[in-house]
Amino acid sequence: MHDEKVIAVVGATGAQGGGLARAILRDSAGGFSVRALTRDPHAPKARQLADSGAEVVAADLDDPASVRRAFAGAFGAFCVTNYWEHHSPEREVAQAGTMAAAARHAGLRHIVWSTLEDTRRWMGLDDDRMPTIKGRYKVPHFDGKGESNQLFIDAGVPTTFLLTSFYWDNLIHFHMGPRRGTDGVLAITFPLGDSRMPGIVAEDIGRCAYGIFEGGEEFLGRMVGIAGEHLTCGQMAERLTSAVGERVRYDAVPPQVYRTLDFPGAEDLASMFQFKRDFQDVFCGARDVALSRHLNPLLQTFDQWLDRNKTRILSG
């Protein structure tokens, strides 16, 4: 046990970090152990990790001293932020800076930073194809993460930049699943036209991160993009139809219509989908399904995920 490399897992009770924590705990011979960071070590998910063999410690990304303590003595760390908790890219950047500084202070040897593109590299703030949000962002929950990449570089910490993809789990948990229209037909609604969109199961992001830690030096300094498949929304609708046993239609709407939908973050998400649509080759090209499967041999396809979750799709 004392020879195992400790991985400090930020967000260990969440989607991505939880997937990594469970992957490490399942592989008793892998040479790694889990230090699960959570704001509430007594929460049910934290207790489950502790019961499974994880070291659970209290840490808050808004409290730099707690993050330094949590990283101390570890070999590496998985770093992630949750924009949807507060809708503030500035807070995300501050939290990323806290993790980068703590990693440097602790002398960590491998950081996996869960990130996304800074869309302003492709679409400047004066580009009127897409509105500017919050005064300085095109896609706030992307841009803050992409901007934060430089913080890890400037801190001089050995980092792998992990580009994630659309969670298929959003079809259950984020109000993006099939909804019955006034005509009685189920439909999914996205502003993507016929463009392909990389998708993945949230659990598989953590499993891919584990593959990166296993690969070690091979992945240091690299941008690694992962996905389970690249599908059009039409293909997703066809597969949903087969899974739920009822027709599911794809309603393609313009981004400007999606921005008016009545849920928090609709404007941000509309711009995200527009970026994926308008820069399909860039976005898909950065996410390698074959590499993802190499990192995570258990990588699920959309059909496999649907088969396991078909009873939850319509109730999500």
C-alpha atoms as a PDB file:
ATOM      1  CA  MET A   1       0.000   0.000   0.000  1.00  0.00           C
ATOM      2  CA  HIS A   2       2.799   2.405   0.888  1.00  0.00           C
ATOM      3  CA  ASP A   3       4.336   1.976  -2.579  1.00  0.00           C
ATOM      4  CA  GLU A   4       1.183   3.061  -4.400  1.00  0.00           C
ATOM      5  CA  LYS A   5       1.115   6.397  -6.189  1.00  0.00           C
ATOM      6  CA  VAL A   6      -1.532   8.609  -4.631  1.00  0.00           C
ATOM      7  CA  ILE A   7      -3.803  10.426  -7.093  1.00  0.00           C
ATOM      8  CA  ALA A   8      -5.647  13.379  -5.578  1.00  0.00           C
ATOM      9  CA  VAL A   9      -9.004  13.381  -7.370  1.00  0.00           C
ATOM     10  CA  VAL A  10     -10.838  16.706  -7.456  1.00  0.00           C
ATOM     11  CA  GLY A  11     -14.593  16.243  -7.810  1.00  0.00           C
ATOM     12  CA  ALA A  12     -14.347  12.626  -6.683  1.00  0.00           C
ATOM     13  CA  THR A  13     -18.078  12.493  -5.952  1.00  0.00           C
ATOM     14  CA  GLY A  14     -18.932  13.997  -9.348  1.00  0.00           C
ATOM     15  CA  ALA A  15     -19.221  12.594 -12.855  1.00  0.00           C
ATOM     16  CA  GLN A  16     -15.651  12.745 -14.159  1.00  0.00           C
ATOM     17  CA  GLY A  17     -13.727  12.474 -10.892  1.00  0.00           C
ATOM     18  CA  GLY A  18     -16.029   9.728  -9.669  1.00  0.00           C
ATOM     19  CA  GLY A  19     -15.307   7.696 -12.786  1.00  0.00           C
ATOM     20  CA  LEU A  20     -11.569   8.015 -12.182  1.00  0.00           C
ATOM     21  CA  ALA A  21     -11.836   7.199  -8.479  1.00  0.00           C
ATOM     22  CA  ARG A  22     -13.819   4.046  -9.192  1.00  0.00           C
ATOM     23  CA  ALA A  23     -11.432   2.992 -11.968  1.00  0.00           C
ATOM     24  CA  ILE A  24      -8.445   3.236  -9.617  1.00  0.00           C
ATOM     25  CA  LEU A  25     -10.253   1.432  -6.801  1.00  0.00           C
ATOM     26  CA  ARG A  26     -11.296  -1.413  -9.108  1.00  0.00           C
ATOM     27  CA  ASP A  27      -7.701  -2.017 -10.205  1.00  0.00           C
ATOM     28  CA  SER A  28      -6.101  -3.212  -6.982  1.00  0.00           C
ATOM     29  CA  ALA A  29      -2.909  -4.191  -8.804  1.00  0.00           C
ATOM     30  CA  GLY A  30      -2.587  -0.948 -10.759  1.00  0.00           C
ATOM     31  CA  GLY A  31      -0.114   0.762  -8.448  1.00  0.00           C
ATOM     32  CA  PHE A  32      -2.327   3.786  -7.704  1.00  0.00           C
ATOM     33  CA  SER A  33      -4.512   4.796  -4.781  1.00  0.00           C
ATOM     34  CA  VAL A  34      -7.274   7.386  -4.479  1.00  0.00           C
ATOM     35  CA  ARG A  35      -7.300  10.503  -2.362  1.00  0.00           C
ATOM     36  CA  ALA A  36     -10.848  11.720  -2.913  1.00  0.00           C
ATOM     37  CA  LEU A  37     -11.307  15.473  -2.537  1.00  0.00           C
ATOM     38  CA  THR A  38     -14.761  16.643  -1.544  1.00  0.00           C
ATOM     39  CA  ARG A  39     -16.260  19.570   0.301  1.00  0.00           C
ATOM     40  CA  ASP A  40     -18.280  17.213   2.486  1.00  0.00           C
ATOM     41  CA  PRO A  41     -16.498  13.988   3.507  1.00  0.00           C
ATOM     42  CA  HIS A  42     -19.690  12.855   5.256  1.00  0.00           C
ATOM     43  CA  ALA A  43     -21.886  12.994   2.144  1.00  0.00           C
ATOM     44  CA  PRO A  44     -23.244   9.607   0.993  1.00  0.00           C
ATOM     45  CA  LYS A  45     -21.093   9.413  -2.156  1.00  0.00           C
ATOM     46  CA  ALA A  46     -17.995  10.323  -0.161  1.00  0.00           C
ATOM     47  CA  ARG A  47     -18.772   7.627   2.398  1.00  0.00           C
ATOM     48  CA  GLN A  48     -19.206   5.097  -0.405  1.00  0.00           C
ATOM     49  CA  LEU A  49     -15.737   5.937  -1.706  1.00  0.00           C
ATOM     50  CA  ALA A  50     -14.283   5.607   1.783  1.00  0.00           C
ATOM     51  CA  ASP A  51     -15.976   2.230   2.218  1.00  0.00           C
ATOM     52  CA  SER A  52     -14.413   1.148  -1.094  1.00  0.00           C
ATOM     53  CA  GLY A  53     -10.906   2.013   0.102  1.00  0.00           C
ATOM     54  CA  ALA A  54     -10.414   5.653  -0.865  1.00  0.00           C
ATOM     55  CA  GLU A  55      -8.791   8.200   1.402  1.00  0.00           C
ATOM     56  CA  VAL A  56     -11.399  10.948   1.656  1.00  0.00           C
ATOM     57  CA  VAL A  57     -10.268  14.476   2.517  1.00  0.00           C
ATOM     58  CA  ALA A  58     -12.058  17.805   2.785  1.00  0.00           C
ATOM     59  CA  ALA A  59     -11.094  20.405   0.186  1.00  0.00           C
ATOM     60  CA  ASP A  60     -12.777  23.384  -1.450  1.00  0.00           C
ATOM     61  CA  LEU A  61     -11.472  24.898  -4.676  1.00  0.00           C
ATOM     62  CA  ASP A  62     -12.369  28.340  -3.327  1.00  0.00           C
ATOM     63  CA  ASP A  63     -10.065  27.695  -0.332  1.00  0.00           C
ATOM     64  CA  PRO A  64      -6.449  27.507  -1.614  1.00  0.00           C
ATOM     65  CA  ALA A  65      -5.037  26.332   1.716  1.00  0.00           C
ATOM     66  CA  SER A  66      -7.358  23.311   1.744  1.00  0.00           C
ATOM     67  CA  VAL A  67      -6.267  22.347  -1.779  1.00  0.00           C
ATOM     68  CA  ARG A  68      -2.575  22.635  -0.858  1.00  0.00           C
ATOM     69  CA  ARG A  69      -3.162  20.345   2.105  1.00  0.00           C
ATOM     70  CA  ALA A  70      -5.081  17.866  -0.040  1.00  0.00           C
ATOM     71  CA  PHE A  71      -2.366  17.733  -2.722  1.00  0.00           C
ATOM     72  CA  ALA A  72       0.535  17.397  -0.268  1.00  0.00           C
ATOM     73  CA  GLY A  73       2.383  14.098  -0.594  1.00  0.00           C
ATOM     74  CA  ALA A  74       0.448  12.945  -3.651  1.00  0.00           C
ATOM     75  CA  PHE A  75       2.008  11.696  -6.861  1.00  0.00           C
ATOM     76  CA  GLY A  76      -0.537  13.292  -9.171  1.00  0.00           C
ATOM     77  CA  ALA A  77      -3.908  14.972  -9.370  1.00  0.00           C
ATOM     78  CA  PHE A  78      -7.006  15.011 -11.515  1.00  0.00           C
ATOM     79  CA  CYS A  79      -8.198  18.606 -11.780  1.00  0.00           C
ATOM     80  CA  VAL A  80     -11.686  19.605 -12.856  1.00  0.00           C
ATOM     81  CA  THR A  81     -14.073  22.520 -12.333  1.00  0.00           C
ATOM     82  CA  ASN A  82     -17.876  22.656 -12.372  1.00  0.00           C
ATOM     83  CA  TYR A  83     -19.087  25.723 -14.253  1.00  0.00           C
ATOM     84  CA  TRP A  84     -22.741  24.735 -13.912  1.00  0.00           C
ATOM     85  CA  GLU A  85     -22.557  25.058 -10.143  1.00  0.00           C
ATOM     86  CA  HIS A  86     -22.069  28.834 -10.330  1.00  0.00           C
ATOM     87  CA  HIS A  87     -22.112  29.918 -14.028  1.00  0.00           C
ATOM     88  CA  SER A  88     -18.935  31.990 -13.536  1.00  0.00           C
ATOM     89  CA  PRO A  89     -15.973  31.518 -15.898  1.00  0.00           C
ATOM     90  CA  GLU A  90     -13.958  33.896 -13.727  1.00  0.00           C
ATOM     91  CA  ARG A  91     -14.467  31.590 -10.754  1.00  0.00           C
ATOM     92  CA  GLU A  92     -13.422  28.617 -12.882  1.00  0.00           C
ATOM     93  CA  VAL A  93     -10.196  30.378 -13.853  1.00  0.00           C
ATOM     94  CA  ALA A  94      -9.512  31.250 -10.204  1.00  0.00           C
ATOM     95  CA  GLN A  95     -10.102  27.636  -9.154  1.00  0.00           C
ATOM     96  CA  ALA A  96      -7.818  26.353 -11.918  1.00  0.00           C
ATOM     97  CA  GLY A  97      -5.144  28.756 -10.725  1.00  0.00           C
ATOM     98  CA  THR A  98      -5.570  27.443  -7.190  1.00  0.00           C
ATOM     99  CA  MET A  99      -5.059  23.858  -8.376  1.00  0.00           C
ATOM    100  CA  ALA A 100      -2.058  24.739 -10.550  1.00  0.00           C
ATOM    101  CA  ALA A 101      -0.397  26.586  -7.669  1.00  0.00           C
ATOM    102  CA  ALA A 102      -1.130  23.740  -5.240  1.00  0.00           C
ATOM    103  CA  ALA A 103       0.290  21.211  -7.702  1.00  0.00           C
ATOM    104  CA  ARG A 104       3.488  23.214  -7.998  1.00  0.00           C
ATOM    105  CA  HIS A 105       3.732  23.613  -4.204  1.00  0.00           C
ATOM    106  CA  ALA A 106       3.302  19.856  -3.729  1.00  0.00           C
ATOM    107  CA  GLY A 107       5.742  18.947  -6.508  1.00  0.00           C
ATOM    108  CA  LEU A 108       3.205  16.725  -8.242  1.00  0.00           C
ATOM    109  CA  ARG A 109       4.559  14.619 -11.067  1.00  0.00           C
ATOM    110  CA  HIS A 110       1.453  14.286 -13.235  1.00  0.00           C
ATOM    111  CA  ILE A 111      -1.672  16.434 -13.471  1.00  0.00           C
ATOM    112  CA  VAL A 112      -4.603  15.624 -15.719  1.00  0.00           C
ATOM    113  CA  TRP A 113      -6.555  18.844 -16.290  1.00  0.00           C
ATOM    114  CA  SER A 114     -10.082  18.387 -17.678  1.00  0.00           C
ATOM    115  CA  THR A 115     -10.459  21.189 -20.183  1.00  0.00           C
ATOM    116  CA  LEU A 116     -12.194  22.420 -23.330  1.00  0.00           C
ATOM    117  CA  GLU A 117     -11.417  24.745 -26.223  1.00  0.00           C
ATOM    118  CA  ASP A 118     -11.146  28.489 -25.746  1.00  0.00           C
ATOM    119  CA  THR A 119     -13.508  29.253 -28.617  1.00  0.00           C
ATOM    120  CA  ARG A 120     -12.187  32.815 -28.881  1.00  0.00           C
ATOM    121  CA  ARG A 121      -9.192  31.383 -30.746  1.00  0.00           C
ATOM    122  CA  TRP A 122     -11.535  30.716 -33.669  1.00  0.00           C
ATOM    123  CA  MET A 123     -14.159  33.390 -33.145  1.00  0.00           C
ATOM    124  CA  GLY A 124     -13.100  36.781 -31.788  1.00  0.00           C
ATOM    125  CA  LEU A 125     -15.276  38.905 -29.568  1.00  0.00           C
ATOM    126  CA  ASP A 126     -16.007  41.227 -32.494  1.00  0.00           C
ATOM    127  CA  ASP A 127     -17.261  38.320 -34.631  1.00  0.00           C
ATOM    128  CA  ASP A 128     -21.021  38.834 -34.912  1.00  0.00           C
ATOM    129  CA  ARG A 129     -21.751  35.280 -36.004  1.00  0.00           C
ATOM    130  CA  MET A 130     -22.132  34.513 -32.315  1.00  0.00           C
ATOM    131  CA  PRO A 131     -23.067  36.886 -29.467  1.00  0.00           C
ATOM    132  CA  THR A 132     -20.512  37.879 -26.859  1.00  0.00           C
ATOM    133  CA  ILE A 133     -21.638  36.716 -23.411  1.00  0.00           C
ATOM    134  CA  LYS A 134     -20.745  38.287 -20.064  1.00  0.00           C
ATOM    135  CA  GLY A 135     -18.711  40.903 -21.921  1.00  0.00           C
ATOM    136  CA  ARG A 136     -15.723  38.745 -22.835  1.00  0.00           C
ATOM    137  CA  TYR A 137     -16.747  35.200 -23.779  1.00  0.00           C
ATOM    138  CA  LYS A 138     -18.253  33.398 -26.732  1.00  0.00           C
ATOM    139  CA  VAL A 139     -18.900  30.115 -24.904  1.00  0.00           C
ATOM    140  CA  PRO A 140     -18.310  30.870 -21.217  1.00  0.00           C
ATOM    141  CA  HIS A 141     -18.123  27.290 -19.930  1.00  0.00           C
ATOM    142  CA  PHE A 142     -15.604  26.440 -22.654  1.00  0.00           C
ATOM    143  CA  ASP A 143     -13.563  29.624 -22.722  1.00  0.00           C
ATOM    144  CA  GLY A 144     -12.777  29.745 -19.002  1.00  0.00           C
ATOM    145  CA  LYS A 145     -11.389  26.214 -19.066  1.00  0.00           C
ATOM    146  CA  GLY A 146      -9.396  26.812 -22.246  1.00  0.00           C
ATOM    147  CA  GLU A 147      -8.019  30.074 -20.861  1.00  0.00           C
ATOM    148  CA  SER A 148      -6.915  28.202 -17.739  1.00  0.00           C
ATOM    149  CA  ASN A 149      -4.613  25.854 -19.681  1.00  0.00           C
ATOM    150  CA  GLN A 150      -1.950  28.537 -19.565  1.00  0.00           C
ATOM    151  CA  LEU A 151      -2.087  28.610 -15.762  1.00  0.00           C
ATOM    152  CA  PHE A 152      -0.827  25.028 -15.585  1.00  0.00           C
ATOM    153  CA  ILE A 153       1.835  25.782 -18.192  1.00  0.00           C
ATOM    154  CA  ASP A 154       2.965  28.909 -16.336  1.00  0.00           C
ATOM    155  CA  ALA A 155       3.109  26.973 -13.057  1.00  0.00           C
ATOM    156  CA  GLY A 156       5.570  24.580 -14.683  1.00  0.00           C
ATOM    157  CA  VAL A 157       3.662  21.494 -13.582  1.00  0.00           C
ATOM    158  CA  PRO A 158       3.695  18.312 -15.735  1.00  0.00           C
ATOM    159  CA  THR A 159       0.222  18.307 -17.218  1.00  0.00           C
ATOM    160  CA  THR A 160      -1.933  16.364 -19.642  1.00  0.00           C
ATOM    161  CA  PHE A 161      -4.731  18.516 -21.083  1.00  0.00           C
ATOM    162  CA  LEU A 162      -7.806  16.294 -21.397  1.00  0.00           C
ATOM    163  CA  LEU A 163     -10.365  17.530 -23.926  1.00  0.00           C
ATOM    164  CA  THR A 164     -13.742  16.083 -23.025  1.00  0.00           C
ATOM    165  CA  SER A 165     -16.908  15.611 -25.092  1.00  0.00           C
ATOM    166  CA  PHE A 166     -20.675  15.948 -24.764  1.00  0.00           C
ATOM    167  CA  TYR A 167     -21.983  13.669 -22.004  1.00  0.00           C
ATOM    168  CA  TRP A 168     -24.622  11.283 -23.317  1.00  0.00           C
ATOM    169  CA  ASP A 169     -25.769  11.309 -19.692  1.00  0.00           C
ATOM    170  CA  ASN A 170     -27.109  14.816 -20.449  1.00  0.00           C
ATOM    171  CA  LEU A 171     -30.017  13.077 -22.165  1.00  0.00           C
ATOM    172  CA  ILE A 172     -31.097  12.041 -18.660  1.00  0.00           C
ATOM    173  CA  HIS A 173     -29.784  14.710 -16.319  1.00  0.00           C
ATOM    174  CA  PHE A 174     -29.614  17.975 -18.280  1.00  0.00           C
ATOM    175  CA  HIS A 175     -33.082  18.254 -19.841  1.00  0.00           C
ATOM    176  CA  MET A 176     -31.759  17.325 -23.284  1.00  0.00           C
ATOM    177  CA  GLY A 177     -33.509  13.985 -23.687  1.00  0.00           C
ATOM    178  CA  PRO A 178     -36.569  13.226 -25.810  1.00  0.00           C
ATOM    179  CA  ARG A 179     -39.603  15.392 -25.049  1.00  0.00           C
ATOM    180  CA  ARG A 180     -43.103  14.822 -26.320  1.00  0.00           C
ATOM    181  CA  GLY A 181     -44.329  17.601 -28.571  1.00  0.00           C
ATOM    182  CA  THR A 182     -47.845  18.901 -29.077  1.00  0.00           C
ATOM    183  CA  ASP A 183     -48.179  16.372 -31.906  1.00  0.00           C
ATOM    184  CA  GLY A 184     -47.505  13.541 -29.451  1.00  0.00           C
ATOM    185  CA  VAL A 185     -44.168  12.600 -31.040  1.00  0.00           C
ATOM    186  CA  LEU A 186     -40.974  12.374 -28.999  1.00  0.00           C
ATOM    187  CA  ALA A 187     -38.178  14.656 -30.183  1.00  0.00           C
ATOM    188  CA  ILE A 188     -34.673  15.790 -29.311  1.00  0.00           C
ATOM    189  CA  THR A 189     -33.895  19.417 -30.108  1.00  0.00           C
ATOM    190  CA  PHE A 190     -30.424  20.721 -30.930  1.00  0.00           C
ATOM    191  CA  PRO A 191     -28.995  23.566 -33.064  1.00  0.00           C
ATOM    192  CA  LEU A 192     -26.480  21.306 -34.810  1.00  0.00           C
ATOM    193  CA  GLY A 193     -27.908  20.771 -38.263  1.00  0.00           C
ATOM    194  CA  ASP A 194     -26.317  17.675 -39.785  1.00  0.00           C
ATOM    195  CA  SER A 195     -22.958  18.128 -38.042  1.00  0.00           C
ATOM    196  CA  ARG A 196     -21.359  15.301 -36.116  1.00  0.00           C
ATOM    197  CA  MET A 197     -20.908  15.747 -32.375  1.00  0.00           C
ATOM    198  CA  PRO A 198     -18.387  13.789 -30.290  1.00  0.00           C
ATOM    199  CA  GLY A 199     -20.094  12.184 -27.307  1.00  0.00           C
ATOM    200  CA  ILE A 200     -19.071  10.011 -24.391  1.00  0.00           C
ATOM    201  CA  VAL A 201     -20.365   8.464 -21.180  1.00  0.00           C
ATOM    202  CA  ALA A 202     -19.282  10.615 -18.223  1.00  0.00           C
ATOM    203  CA  GLU A 203     -17.938   7.544 -16.396  1.00  0.00           C
ATOM    204  CA  ASP A 204     -15.672   6.833 -19.372  1.00  0.00           C
ATOM    205  CA  ILE A 205     -13.985  10.229 -19.036  1.00  0.00           C
ATOM    206  CA  GLY A 206     -12.652   9.134 -15.661  1.00  0.00           C
ATOM    207  CA  ARG A 207     -11.635   5.758 -17.043  1.00  0.00           C
ATOM    208  CA  CYS A 208      -9.726   7.456 -19.867  1.00  0.00           C
ATOM    209  CA  ALA A 209      -8.037   9.709 -17.309  1.00  0.00           C
ATOM    210  CA  TYR A 210      -6.900   6.572 -15.492  1.00  0.00           C
ATOM    211  CA  GLY A 211      -5.393   5.299 -18.753  1.00  0.00           C
ATOM    212  CA  ILE A 212      -3.473   8.572 -19.017  1.00  0.00           C
ATOM    213  CA  PHE A 213      -2.061   8.181 -15.513  1.00  0.00           C
ATOM    214  CA  GLU A 214      -1.100   4.600 -16.394  1.00  0.00           C
ATOM    215  CA  GLY A 215       0.623   5.844 -19.565  1.00  0.00           C
ATOM    216  CA  GLY A 216       2.638   8.318 -17.527  1.00  0.00           C
ATOM    217  CA  GLU A 217       5.357  10.272 -19.290  1.00  0.00           C
ATOM    218  CA  GLU A 218       3.964   9.385 -22.723  1.00  0.00           C
ATOM    219  CA  PHE A 219       1.144  11.869 -22.140  1.00  0.00           C
ATOM    220  CA  LEU A 220       2.910  14.695 -20.323  1.00  0.00           C
ATOM    221  CA  GLY A 221       2.520  18.034 -22.078  1.00  0.00           C
ATOM    222  CA  ARG A 222      -0.011  16.626 -24.527  1.00  0.00           C
ATOM    223  CA  MET A 223      -3.530  17.664 -25.455  1.00  0.00           C
ATOM    224  CA  VAL A 224      -5.585  14.440 -25.450  1.00  0.00           C
ATOM    225  CA  GLY A 225      -9.130  14.538 -26.823  1.00  0.00           C
ATOM    226  CA  ILE A 226     -11.550  11.706 -26.056  1.00  0.00           C
ATOM    227  CA  ALA A 227     -14.932  10.529 -27.349  1.00  0.00           C
ATOM    228  CA  GLY A 228     -16.958   7.348 -27.515  1.00  0.00           C
ATOM    229  CA  GLU A 229     -18.380   8.121 -30.980  1.00  0.00           C
ATOM    230  CA  HIS A 230     -18.925  11.035 -33.347  1.00  0.00           C
ATOM    231  CA  LEU A 231     -22.631  11.051 -34.228  1.00  0.00           C
ATOM    232  CA  THR A 232     -25.093  13.381 -35.910  1.00  0.00           C
ATOM    233  CA  CYS A 233     -28.242  14.197 -33.977  1.00  0.00           C
ATOM    234  CA  GLY A 234     -30.183  12.358 -36.671  1.00  0.00           C
ATOM    235  CA  GLN A 235     -28.187   9.217 -35.891  1.00  0.00           C
ATOM    236  CA  MET A 236     -28.773   9.754 -32.185  1.00  0.00           C
ATOM    237  CA  ALA A 237     -32.526  10.023 -32.803  1.00  0.00           C
ATOM    238  CA  GLU A 238     -32.527   6.782 -34.811  1.00  0.00           C
ATOM    239  CA  ARG A 239     -30.718   4.938 -32.041  1.00  0.00           C
ATOM    240  CA  LEU A 240     -32.964   6.446 -29.389  1.00  0.00           C
ATOM    241  CA  THR A 241     -35.939   5.210 -31.404  1.00  0.00           C
ATOM    242  CA  SER A 242     -34.587   1.663 -31.295  1.00  0.00           C
ATOM    243  CA  ALA A 243     -33.765   1.912 -27.587  1.00  0.00           C
ATOM    244  CA  VAL A 244     -37.079   3.277 -26.279  1.00  0.00           C
ATOM    245  CA  GLY A 245     -39.287   1.411 -28.755  1.00  0.00           C
ATOM    246  CA  GLU A 246     -40.994   4.555 -29.985  1.00  0.00           C
ATOM    247  CA  ARG A 247     -40.180   7.046 -32.700  1.00  0.00           C
ATOM    248  CA  VAL A 248     -37.834   9.834 -31.646  1.00  0.00           C
ATOM    249  CA  ARG A 249     -37.521  12.720 -34.091  1.00  0.00           C
ATOM    250  CA  TYR A 250     -34.621  15.152 -34.365  1.00  0.00           C
ATOM    251  CA  ASP A 251     -35.794  18.761 -34.455  1.00  0.00           C
ATOM    252  CA  ALA A 252     -32.971  20.890 -35.823  1.00  0.00           C
ATOM    253  CA  VAL A 253     -33.368  24.526 -34.785  1.00  0.00           C
ATOM    254  CA  PRO A 254     -31.165  27.580 -35.400  1.00  0.00           C
ATOM    255  CA  PRO A 255     -28.882  28.633 -32.523  1.00  0.00           C
ATOM    256  CA  GLN A 256     -30.840  31.879 -32.139  1.00  0.00           C
ATOM    257  CA  VAL A 257     -33.968  29.842 -31.396  1.00  0.00           C
ATOM    258  CA  TYR A 258     -32.167  27.569 -28.928  1.00  0.00           C
ATOM    259  CA  ARG A 259     -30.931  30.660 -27.064  1.00  0.00           C
ATOM    260  CA  THR A 260     -34.529  31.571 -26.240  1.00  0.00           C
ATOM    261  CA  LEU A 261     -35.379  28.248 -24.579  1.00  0.00           C
ATOM    262  CA  ASP A 262     -36.465  28.575 -20.977  1.00  0.00           C
ATOM    263  CA  PHE A 263     -33.731  26.936 -18.910  1.00  0.00           C
ATOM    264  CA  PRO A 264     -30.572  28.239 -17.187  1.00  0.00           C
ATOM    265  CA  GLY A 265     -27.577  28.363 -19.512  1.00  0.00           C
ATOM    266  CA  ALA A 266     -29.545  28.164 -22.760  1.00  0.00           C
ATOM    267  CA  GLU A 267     -27.558  31.024 -24.315  1.00  0.00           C
ATOM    268  CA  ASP A 268     -24.234  29.470 -23.348  1.00  0.00           C
ATOM    269  CA  LEU A 269     -25.251  26.031 -24.639  1.00  0.00           C
ATOM    270  CA  ALA A 270     -26.624  27.449 -27.894  1.00  0.00           C
ATOM    271  CA  SER A 271     -23.251  29.026 -28.581  1.00  0.00           C
ATOM    272  CA  MET A 272     -21.490  25.796 -27.614  1.00  0.00           C
ATOM    273  CA  PHE A 273     -23.530  23.821 -30.133  1.00  0.00           C
ATOM    274  CA  GLN A 274     -22.999  26.509 -32.760  1.00  0.00           C
ATOM    275  CA  PHE A 275     -19.248  26.271 -32.228  1.00  0.00           C
ATOM    276  CA  LYS A 276     -19.393  22.492 -32.615  1.00  0.00           C
ATOM    277  CA  ARG A 277     -21.493  22.904 -35.782  1.00  0.00           C
ATOM    278  CA  ASP A 278     -19.478  25.653 -37.426  1.00  0.00           C
ATOM    279  CA  PHE A 279     -16.083  24.195 -36.489  1.00  0.00           C
ATOM    280  CA  GLN A 280     -16.974  20.522 -36.811  1.00  0.00           C
ATOM    281  CA  ASP A 281     -13.661  19.492 -38.339  1.00  0.00           C
ATOM    282  CA  VAL A 282     -11.680  21.222 -35.594  1.00  0.00           C
ATOM    283  CA  PHE A 283     -13.813  19.873 -32.772  1.00  0.00           C
ATOM    284  CA  CYS A 284     -14.132  16.306 -34.044  1.00  0.00           C
ATOM    285  CA  GLY A 285     -10.525  16.232 -35.225  1.00  0.00           C
ATOM    286  CA  ALA A 286      -9.309  16.929 -31.710  1.00  0.00           C
ATOM    287  CA  ARG A 287     -11.143  13.893 -30.278  1.00  0.00           C
ATOM    288  CA  ASP A 288      -9.793  10.471 -31.197  1.00  0.00           C
ATOM    289  CA  VAL A 289     -12.117   7.507 -30.596  1.00  0.00           C
ATOM    290  CA  ALA A 290      -9.359   4.940 -31.222  1.00  0.00           C
ATOM    291  CA  LEU A 291      -7.058   6.607 -28.695  1.00  0.00           C
ATOM    292  CA  SER A 292      -9.946   6.797 -26.236  1.00  0.00           C
ATOM    293  CA  ARG A 293     -10.476   3.050 -26.560  1.00  0.00           C
ATOM    294  CA  HIS A 294      -6.742   2.458 -26.114  1.00  0.00           C
ATOM    295  CA  LEU A 295      -6.856   4.434 -22.867  1.00  0.00           C
ATOM    296  CA  ASN A 296     -10.095   2.768 -21.781  1.00  0.00           C
ATOM    297  CA  PRO A 297     -10.784  -0.677 -23.277  1.00  0.00           C
ATOM    298  CA  LEU A 298     -14.239  -0.582 -21.646  1.00  0.00           C
ATOM    299  CA  LEU A 299     -15.196   2.538 -23.648  1.00  0.00           C
ATOM    300  CA  GLN A 300     -18.929   2.434 -24.362  1.00  0.00           C
ATOM    301  CA  THR A 301     -20.652   3.154 -27.648  1.00  0.00           C
ATOM    302  CA  PHE A 302     -23.891   5.132 -27.717  1.00  0.00           C
ATOM    303  CA  ASP A 303     -25.854   1.914 -28.312  1.00  0.00           C
ATOM    304  CA  GLN A 304     -24.232   0.229 -25.311  1.00  0.00           C
ATOM    305  CA  TRP A 305     -25.003   3.217 -23.104  1.00  0.00           C
ATOM    306  CA  LEU A 306     -28.587   3.336 -24.350  1.00  0.00           C
ATOM    307  CA  ASP A 307     -29.079  -0.362 -23.660  1.00  0.00           C
ATOM    308  CA  ARG A 308     -28.037   0.197 -20.033  1.00  0.00           C
ATOM    309  CA  ASN A 309     -30.088   3.391 -19.599  1.00  0.00           C
ATOM    310  CA  LYS A 310     -33.111   3.068 -21.890  1.00  0.00           C
ATOM    311  CA  THR A 311     -35.565   2.904 -18.989  1.00  0.00           C
ATOM    312  CA  ARG A 312     -34.213   6.197 -17.622  1.00  0.00           C
ATOM    313  CA  ILE A 313     -34.240   8.175 -20.862  1.00  0.00           C
ATOM    314  CA  LEU A 314     -37.902   9.175 -20.820  1.00  0.00           C
ATOM    315  CA  SER A 315     -38.055   9.699 -17.057  1.00  0.00           C
ATOM    316  CA  GLY A 316     -34.971  11.919 -16.909  1.00  0.00           C
END
